[in-house]
Amino acid sequence: MPPTKKAPSPRAHKPLAARTVPTREEIALRAYQIYLDRAGAPGNAFEDWTRAERELLGSPAKPRRKAAPKSQAA
């Protein structure tokens, strides 16, 4: 009798679509691309990093603040 092979477990590999959080490497690559888009001009590495995170997570460009209540004239 020939040896039988076991089928791989369906849990062994997660589909790529199931992953929602970008890796540090993906964020770093996107932040570097943002830096290159500025033609290497000096900028803020932290802002590049957070922008890359927002883009990869699909968040809005900038967090919105709540509108402050307008003061009424007396």
N, C-alpha and C. Protein backbone atom coordinates (compact mmCIF):
# COMPACT_ATOMS: atom_id res chain seq x y z
N MET A 1 0.82 -1.17 0.00
CA MET A 1 0.00 0.00 0.00
C MET A 1 0.87 1.25 0.00
N PRO A 2 0.57 2.24 -0.86
CA PRO A 2 1.37 3.47 -0.86
C PRO A 2 1.03 4.31 0.37
N PRO A 3 2.04 5.06 0.86
CA PRO A 3 1.78 5.89 2.04
C PRO A 3 0.78 7.00 1.68
N THR A 4 -0.07 7.31 2.63
CA THR A 4 -1.05 8.36 2.38
C THR A 4 -0.56 9.68 2.96
N LYS A 5 -0.88 10.74 2.27
CA LYS A 5 -0.50 12.06 2.75
C LYS A 5 -1.70 12.70 3.43
N LYS A 6 -1.41 13.38 4.54
CA LYS A 6 -2.48 14.09 5.23
C LYS A 6 -2.72 15.42 4.53
N ALA A 7 -3.95 15.79 4.42
CA ALA A 7 -4.30 17.10 3.85
C ALA A 7 -3.91 18.18 4.85
N PRO A 8 -3.42 19.31 4.37
CA PRO A 8 -3.06 20.38 5.30
C PRO A 8 -4.29 20.88 6.05
N SER A 9 -4.07 21.27 7.26
CA SER A 9 -5.16 21.76 8.09
C SER A 9 -5.72 23.05 7.50
N PRO A 10 -7.03 23.22 7.47
CA PRO A 10 -7.59 24.46 6.94
C PRO A 10 -7.25 25.66 7.81
N ARG A 11 -6.86 25.43 9.05
CA ARG A 11 -6.48 26.52 9.94
C ARG A 11 -5.01 26.91 9.79
N ALA A 12 -4.27 26.19 8.99
CA ALA A 12 -2.84 26.44 8.87
C ALA A 12 -2.53 27.80 8.26
N HIS A 13 -3.31 28.23 7.30
CA HIS A 13 -3.05 29.50 6.61
C HIS A 13 -4.30 30.37 6.67
N LYS A 14 -4.10 31.59 7.16
CA LYS A 14 -5.22 32.53 7.18
C LYS A 14 -5.22 33.29 5.86
N PRO A 15 -6.38 33.56 5.32
CA PRO A 15 -6.42 34.35 4.09
C PRO A 15 -5.94 35.77 4.36
N LEU A 16 -5.31 36.38 3.36
CA LEU A 16 -4.77 37.71 3.53
C LEU A 16 -5.86 38.73 3.84
N ALA A 17 -7.05 38.52 3.32
CA ALA A 17 -8.13 39.47 3.56
C ALA A 17 -8.54 39.51 5.02
N ALA A 18 -8.26 38.46 5.78
CA ALA A 18 -8.65 38.41 7.18
C ALA A 18 -7.76 39.30 8.05
N ARG A 19 -6.55 39.60 7.57
CA ARG A 19 -5.63 40.43 8.36
C ARG A 19 -6.02 41.89 8.19
N THR A 20 -6.28 42.59 9.30
CA THR A 20 -6.71 43.97 9.20
C THR A 20 -5.66 44.94 9.74
N VAL A 21 -4.73 44.47 10.53
CA VAL A 21 -3.71 45.34 11.11
C VAL A 21 -2.43 45.24 10.29
N PRO A 22 -1.93 46.37 9.77
CA PRO A 22 -0.69 46.31 8.99
C PRO A 22 0.50 45.98 9.88
N THR A 23 1.50 45.35 9.29
CA THR A 23 2.72 45.03 10.04
C THR A 23 3.59 46.27 10.16
N ARG A 24 4.57 46.21 11.07
CA ARG A 24 5.52 47.33 11.21
C ARG A 24 6.26 47.56 9.91
N GLU A 25 6.58 46.49 9.20
CA GLU A 25 7.31 46.62 7.94
C GLU A 25 6.47 47.33 6.89
N GLU A 26 5.17 47.02 6.84
CA GLU A 26 4.28 47.68 5.88
C GLU A 26 4.15 49.17 6.19
N ILE A 27 4.03 49.49 7.48
CA ILE A 27 3.93 50.90 7.87
C ILE A 27 5.23 51.62 7.55
N ALA A 28 6.35 51.00 7.86
CA ALA A 28 7.65 51.62 7.59
C ALA A 28 7.84 51.87 6.10
N LEU A 29 7.45 50.92 5.27
CA LEU A 29 7.57 51.08 3.82
C LEU A 29 6.71 52.23 3.33
N ARG A 30 5.47 52.31 3.81
CA ARG A 30 4.59 53.40 3.37
C ARG A 30 5.11 54.75 3.87
N ALA A 31 5.63 54.81 5.10
CA ALA A 31 6.19 56.05 5.62
C ALA A 31 7.39 56.48 4.77
N TYR A 32 8.19 55.53 4.35
CA TYR A 32 9.33 55.84 3.48
C TYR A 32 8.86 56.35 2.12
N GLN A 33 7.78 55.77 1.59
CA GLN A 33 7.23 56.24 0.33
C GLN A 33 6.72 57.68 0.46
N ILE A 34 6.13 58.00 1.60
CA ILE A 34 5.67 59.37 1.84
C ILE A 34 6.86 60.32 1.84
N TYR A 35 7.95 59.90 2.49
CA TYR A 35 9.19 60.69 2.51
C TYR A 35 9.71 60.90 1.08
N LEU A 36 9.70 59.85 0.28
CA LEU A 36 10.17 59.96 -1.10
C LEU A 36 9.25 60.85 -1.93
N ASP A 37 7.95 60.83 -1.63
CA ASP A 37 7.01 61.69 -2.35
C ASP A 37 7.33 63.17 -2.12
N ARG A 38 7.94 63.48 -0.99
CA ARG A 38 8.39 64.85 -0.70
C ARG A 38 9.74 65.12 -1.36
N ALA A 39 10.20 64.21 -2.16
CA ALA A 39 11.52 64.29 -2.81
C ALA A 39 12.64 64.33 -1.78
N GLY A 40 12.45 63.65 -0.67
CA GLY A 40 13.48 63.57 0.35
C GLY A 40 13.65 64.84 1.16
N ALA A 41 12.71 65.78 1.01
CA ALA A 41 12.79 67.03 1.77
C ALA A 41 12.60 66.71 3.25
N PRO A 42 13.25 67.48 4.12
CA PRO A 42 13.09 67.23 5.56
C PRO A 42 11.62 67.32 5.95
N GLY A 43 11.25 66.49 6.87
CA GLY A 43 9.87 66.47 7.36
C GLY A 43 9.86 65.92 8.77
N ASN A 44 8.76 65.40 9.16
CA ASN A 44 8.62 64.85 10.49
C ASN A 44 8.36 63.35 10.36
N ALA A 45 9.30 62.56 10.81
CA ALA A 45 9.20 61.10 10.68
C ALA A 45 7.97 60.57 11.41
N PHE A 46 7.65 61.16 12.57
CA PHE A 46 6.49 60.70 13.33
C PHE A 46 5.20 60.95 12.54
N GLU A 47 5.09 62.13 11.90
CA GLU A 47 3.91 62.43 11.09
C GLU A 47 3.82 61.48 9.89
N ASP A 48 4.96 61.18 9.28
CA ASP A 48 4.97 60.23 8.16
C ASP A 48 4.46 58.87 8.63
N TRP A 49 4.92 58.44 9.80
CA TRP A 49 4.54 57.13 10.35
C TRP A 49 3.04 57.10 10.64
N THR A 50 2.53 58.12 11.31
CA THR A 50 1.11 58.11 11.66
C THR A 50 0.23 58.24 10.40
N ARG A 51 0.70 59.00 9.42
CA ARG A 51 -0.05 59.09 8.15
C ARG A 51 -0.09 57.72 7.48
N ALA A 52 1.04 57.03 7.48
CA ALA A 52 1.10 55.69 6.88
C ALA A 52 0.14 54.74 7.59
N GLU A 53 0.11 54.80 8.92
CA GLU A 53 -0.82 53.95 9.68
C GLU A 53 -2.27 54.25 9.30
N ARG A 54 -2.62 55.54 9.25
CA ARG A 54 -3.99 55.91 8.91
C ARG A 54 -4.36 55.41 7.53
N GLU A 55 -3.45 55.59 6.57
CA GLU A 55 -3.74 55.14 5.20
C GLU A 55 -3.93 53.64 5.14
N LEU A 56 -3.06 52.90 5.81
CA LEU A 56 -3.14 51.44 5.74
C LEU A 56 -4.33 50.89 6.51
N LEU A 57 -4.76 51.60 7.52
CA LEU A 57 -5.93 51.16 8.28
C LEU A 57 -7.24 51.66 7.66
N GLY A 58 -7.12 52.57 6.69
CA GLY A 58 -8.31 53.08 6.04
C GLY A 58 -9.04 54.12 6.86
N SER A 59 -8.34 54.79 7.77
CA SER A 59 -8.94 55.83 8.60
C SER A 59 -8.98 57.14 7.83
N PRO A 60 -9.78 58.09 8.30
CA PRO A 60 -9.80 59.40 7.65
C PRO A 60 -8.44 60.07 7.72
N ALA A 61 -8.20 61.02 6.83
CA ALA A 61 -6.89 61.68 6.74
C ALA A 61 -6.47 62.31 8.06
N LYS A 62 -7.36 63.02 8.71
CA LYS A 62 -7.04 63.65 9.99
C LYS A 62 -8.19 63.41 10.95
N PRO A 63 -7.88 63.16 12.22
CA PRO A 63 -8.97 62.98 13.17
C PRO A 63 -9.75 64.29 13.31
N ARG A 64 -11.05 64.16 13.40
CA ARG A 64 -11.88 65.35 13.50
C ARG A 64 -12.14 65.70 14.95
N ARG A 65 -12.15 66.99 15.22
CA ARG A 65 -12.46 67.47 16.56
C ARG A 65 -13.94 67.81 16.61
N LYS A 66 -14.49 67.73 17.82
CA LYS A 66 -15.86 68.15 18.00
C LYS A 66 -15.90 69.68 17.93
N ALA A 67 -16.93 70.18 17.36
CA ALA A 67 -17.07 71.63 17.27
C ALA A 67 -17.34 72.18 18.66
N ALA A 68 -16.64 73.24 19.00
CA ALA A 68 -16.85 73.88 20.30
C ALA A 68 -18.16 74.66 20.26
N PRO A 69 -18.89 74.66 21.36
CA PRO A 69 -20.14 75.42 21.37
C PRO A 69 -19.84 76.91 21.23
N LYS A 70 -20.65 77.59 20.42
CA LYS A 70 -20.45 79.02 20.22
C LYS A 70 -20.97 79.77 21.43
N SER A 71 -20.21 80.78 21.82
CA SER A 71 -20.66 81.56 22.95
C SER A 71 -21.72 82.55 22.49
N GLN A 72 -22.67 82.79 23.34
CA GLN A 72 -23.76 83.69 22.98
C GLN A 72 -23.44 85.08 23.48
N ALA A 73 -23.74 86.06 22.66
CA ALA A 73 -23.50 87.45 23.05
C ALA A 73 -24.56 87.86 24.08
N ALA A 74 -24.14 88.62 25.09
CA ALA A 74 -25.08 89.02 26.15
C ALA A 74 -25.87 90.24 25.80
